[in-house]
C-alpha atoms as a PDB file:
ATOM      1  CA  UNK A   1       7.745  48.139  69.539  1.00  0.00           C
ATOM      2  CA  UNK A   2       9.494  45.570  72.027  1.00  0.00           C
ATOM      3  CA  UNK A   3      10.410  46.525  75.902  1.00  0.00           C
ATOM      4  CA  UNK A   4      13.447  44.641  77.163  1.00  0.00           C
ATOM      5  CA  UNK A   5      14.627  44.086  80.926  1.00  0.00           C
ATOM      6  CA  UNK A   6      18.194  43.696  81.199  1.00  0.00           C
ATOM      7  CA  UNK A   7      19.924  42.304  84.385  1.00  0.00           C
ATOM      8  CA  UNK A   8      23.769  41.834  85.279  1.00  0.00           C
ATOM      9  CA  UNK A   9      24.434  39.969  88.714  1.00  0.00           C
ATOM     10  CA  UNK A  10      27.404  38.362  90.482  1.00  0.00           C
ATOM     11  CA  UNK A  11      26.227  34.625  91.247  1.00  0.00           C
ATOM     12  CA  UNK A  12      29.041  32.546  93.647  1.00  0.00           C
ATOM     13  CA  UNK A  13      30.256  30.578  90.741  1.00  0.00           C
ATOM     14  CA  UNK A  14      29.304  27.406  93.311  1.00  0.00           C
ATOM     15  CA  UNK A  15      25.304  27.896  92.960  1.00  0.00           C
ATOM     16  CA  UNK A  16      25.732  27.851  89.444  1.00  0.00           C
ATOM     17  CA  UNK A  17      22.668  24.986  89.503  1.00  0.00           C
ATOM     18  CA  UNK A  18      21.165  26.564  91.970  1.00  0.00           C
ATOM     19  CA  UNK A  19      20.885  29.873  89.863  1.00  0.00           C
ATOM     20  CA  UNK A  20      19.778  28.124  86.771  1.00  0.00           C
ATOM     21  CA  UNK A  21      17.055  26.572  88.862  1.00  0.00           C
ATOM     22  CA  UNK A  22      15.701  30.024  90.140  1.00  0.00           C
ATOM     23  CA  UNK A  23      15.915  31.580  86.571  1.00  0.00           C
ATOM     24  CA  UNK A  24      13.763  28.494  85.036  1.00  0.00           C
ATOM     25  CA  UNK A  25      11.256  28.955  87.828  1.00  0.00           C
ATOM     26  CA  UNK A  26      11.114  32.616  87.476  1.00  0.00           C
ATOM     27  CA  UNK A  27      11.217  32.847  83.927  1.00  0.00           C
ATOM     28  CA  UNK A  28       8.162  30.485  83.900  1.00  0.00           C
ATOM     29  CA  UNK A  29       6.171  32.980  86.172  1.00  0.00           C
ATOM     30  CA  UNK A  30       7.731  36.051  83.183  1.00  0.00           C
ATOM     31  CA  UNK A  31       6.288  33.984  80.347  1.00  0.00           C
ATOM     32  CA  UNK A  32       2.774  33.516  82.244  1.00  0.00           C
ATOM     33  CA  UNK A  33       2.586  36.926  82.367  1.00  0.00           C
ATOM     34  CA  UNK A  34       3.269  38.087  78.637  1.00  0.00           C
ATOM     35  CA  UNK A  35       7.170  37.757  78.532  1.00  0.00           C
ATOM     36  CA  UNK A  36       8.160  36.835  74.927  1.00  0.00           C
ATOM     37  CA  UNK A  37      11.281  35.638  76.059  1.00  0.00           C
ATOM     38  CA  UNK A  38      13.606  35.073  78.985  1.00  0.00           C
ATOM     39  CA  UNK A  39      17.351  34.518  78.580  1.00  0.00           C
ATOM     40  CA  UNK A  40      20.392  33.613  80.978  1.00  0.00           C
ATOM     41  CA  UNK A  41      23.798  33.679  80.436  1.00  0.00           C
ATOM     42  CA  UNK A  42      26.466  32.611  82.455  1.00  0.00           C
ATOM     43  CA  UNK A  43      29.800  34.496  81.674  1.00  0.00           C
ATOM     44  CA  UNK A  44      32.449  32.586  80.184  1.00  0.00           C
ATOM     45  CA  UNK A  45      34.603  35.718  78.783  1.00  0.00           C
ATOM     46  CA  UNK A  46      33.696  38.887  80.575  1.00  0.00           C
ATOM     47  CA  UNK A  47      37.172  40.330  81.259  1.00  0.00           C
ATOM     48  CA  UNK A  48      37.720  42.608  83.690  1.00  0.00           C
ATOM     49  CA  UNK A  49      38.306  46.144  83.004  1.00  0.00           C
ATOM     50  CA  UNK A  50      40.521  49.044  84.058  1.00  0.00           C
ATOM     51  CA  UNK A  51      38.006  51.743  84.085  1.00  0.00           C
ATOM     52  CA  UNK A  52      34.556  49.868  83.806  1.00  0.00           C
ATOM     53  CA  UNK A  53      33.288  46.412  83.337  1.00  0.00           C
ATOM     54  CA  UNK A  54      30.264  44.275  84.002  1.00  0.00           C
ATOM     55  CA  UNK A  55      32.656  42.619  87.253  1.00  0.00           C
ATOM     56  CA  UNK A  56      33.472  45.511  88.534  1.00  0.00           C
ATOM     57  CA  UNK A  57      29.824  46.701  88.092  1.00  0.00           C
ATOM     58  CA  UNK A  58      28.846  44.469  90.402  1.00  0.00           C
ATOM     59  CA  UNK A  59      31.399  43.913  92.395  1.00  0.00           C
ATOM     60  CA  UNK A  60      32.308  40.225  91.448  1.00  0.00           C
ATOM     61  CA  UNK A  61      34.255  38.182  93.708  1.00  0.00           C
ATOM     62  CA  UNK A  62      36.904  35.756  92.771  1.00  0.00           C
ATOM     63  CA  UNK A  63      34.364  32.953  93.495  1.00  0.00           C
ATOM     64  CA  UNK A  64      31.832  34.733  91.590  1.00  0.00           C
ATOM     65  CA  UNK A  65      30.655  34.517  87.806  1.00  0.00           C
ATOM     66  CA  UNK A  66      28.798  37.396  86.118  1.00  0.00           C
ATOM     67  CA  UNK A  67      25.539  36.563  84.789  1.00  0.00           C
ATOM     68  CA  UNK A  68      23.915  38.616  82.230  1.00  0.00           C
ATOM     69  CA  UNK A  69      20.263  37.958  81.234  1.00  0.00           C
ATOM     70  CA  UNK A  70      17.184  39.799  79.793  1.00  0.00           C
ATOM     71  CA  UNK A  71      13.334  39.438  79.422  1.00  0.00           C
ATOM     72  CA  UNK A  72      11.835  40.420  76.257  1.00  0.00           C
ATOM     73  CA  UNK A  73       8.316  42.323  76.461  1.00  0.00           C
ATOM     74  CA  UNK A  74       5.756  42.713  73.535  1.00  0.00           C
ATOM     75  CA  UNK A  75       5.820  46.249  74.907  1.00  0.00           C
ATOM     76  CA  UNK A  76       6.270  48.334  78.207  1.00  0.00           C
ATOM     77  CA  UNK A  77       2.478  48.251  78.876  1.00  0.00           C
ATOM     78  CA  UNK A  78       2.421  44.707  79.081  1.00  0.00           C
ATOM     79  CA  UNK A  79       5.522  44.545  81.158  1.00  0.00           C
ATOM     80  CA  UNK A  80       4.351  47.386  83.583  1.00  0.00           C
ATOM     81  CA  UNK A  81       1.327  45.726  84.003  1.00  0.00           C
ATOM     82  CA  UNK A  82       2.674  41.997  84.518  1.00  0.00           C
ATOM     83  CA  UNK A  83       5.821  42.990  87.030  1.00  0.00           C
ATOM     84  CA  UNK A  84       3.545  43.912  90.037  1.00  0.00           C
ATOM     85  CA  UNK A  85       1.907  40.152  89.668  1.00  0.00           C
ATOM     86  CA  UNK A  86       5.188  38.662  89.104  1.00  0.00           C
ATOM     87  CA  UNK A  87       6.616  40.421  92.239  1.00  0.00           C
ATOM     88  CA  UNK A  88       3.319  38.732  94.093  1.00  0.00           C
ATOM     89  CA  UNK A  89       3.579  35.760  93.020  1.00  0.00           C
ATOM     90  CA  UNK A  90       3.979  32.603  95.266  1.00  0.00           C
ATOM     91  CA  UNK A  91       6.563  31.408  92.916  1.00  0.00           C
ATOM     92  CA  UNK A  92       9.159  34.112  93.139  1.00  0.00           C
ATOM     93  CA  UNK A  93       8.594  34.246  96.752  1.00  0.00           C
ATOM     94  CA  UNK A  94      11.765  34.437  98.600  1.00  0.00           C
ATOM     95  CA  UNK A  95      10.345  31.625 100.680  1.00  0.00           C
ATOM     96  CA  UNK A  96       9.983  29.309  97.522  1.00  0.00           C
ATOM     97  CA  UNK A  97      12.526  30.386  95.447  1.00  0.00           C
ATOM     98  CA  UNK A  98      15.419  32.477  97.066  1.00  0.00           C
ATOM     99  CA  UNK A  99      18.193  34.221  94.770  1.00  0.00           C
ATOM    100  CA  UNK A 100      21.166  32.458  95.036  1.00  0.00           C
ATOM    101  CA  UNK A 101      23.286  35.564  95.226  1.00  0.00           C
ATOM    102  CA  UNK A 102      23.502  39.022  96.162  1.00  0.00           C
ATOM    103  CA  UNK A 103      20.374  41.060  95.224  1.00  0.00           C
ATOM    104  CA  UNK A 104      21.971  44.301  96.413  1.00  0.00           C
ATOM    105  CA  UNK A 105      24.834  44.135  93.580  1.00  0.00           C
ATOM    106  CA  UNK A 106      22.225  43.612  90.726  1.00  0.00           C
ATOM    107  CA  UNK A 107      21.858  45.883  88.127  1.00  0.00           C
ATOM    108  CA  UNK A 108      19.028  46.324  86.096  1.00  0.00           C
ATOM    109  CA  UNK A 109      16.993  48.754  84.003  1.00  0.00           C
ATOM    110  CA  UNK A 110      14.133  48.723  81.201  1.00  0.00           C
ATOM    111  CA  UNK A 111      14.743  49.556  77.624  1.00  0.00           C
ATOM    112  CA  UNK A 112      13.510  50.358  74.719  1.00  0.00           C
ATOM    113  CA  UNK A 113      14.616  48.224  71.491  1.00  0.00           C
ATOM    114  CA  UNK A 114      16.293  50.950  69.095  1.00  0.00           C
ATOM    115  CA  UNK A 115      17.348  47.988  66.437  1.00  0.00           C
ATOM    116  CA  UNK A 116      16.317  44.518  66.114  1.00  0.00           C
ATOM    117  CA  UNK A 117      17.645  42.623  63.418  1.00  0.00           C
END
């Protein structure tokens, strides 16, 4: 069964194009090492909640936009083998492909696919 890494981040709205370029470059590396798909979504309708919400979770500021992303892997083994290679790849280094957002507020996790219709 597939495995998915999911991400939520707050990206400065002014950095949308920088983020797109960053995500495309990193996505190519993930796919090279076995990812089936890399999806990056720019928030369009992400409401602030009263108790919980994506904007609250990433401490989104007025000049930022919530980004929701995921990487689909064939299985967790492929992901576990690929991730150290991705992190060591120079194309994903801070020098060549800096994150255009505050990575300290990035939320991520790995998930087993339960339903895929």
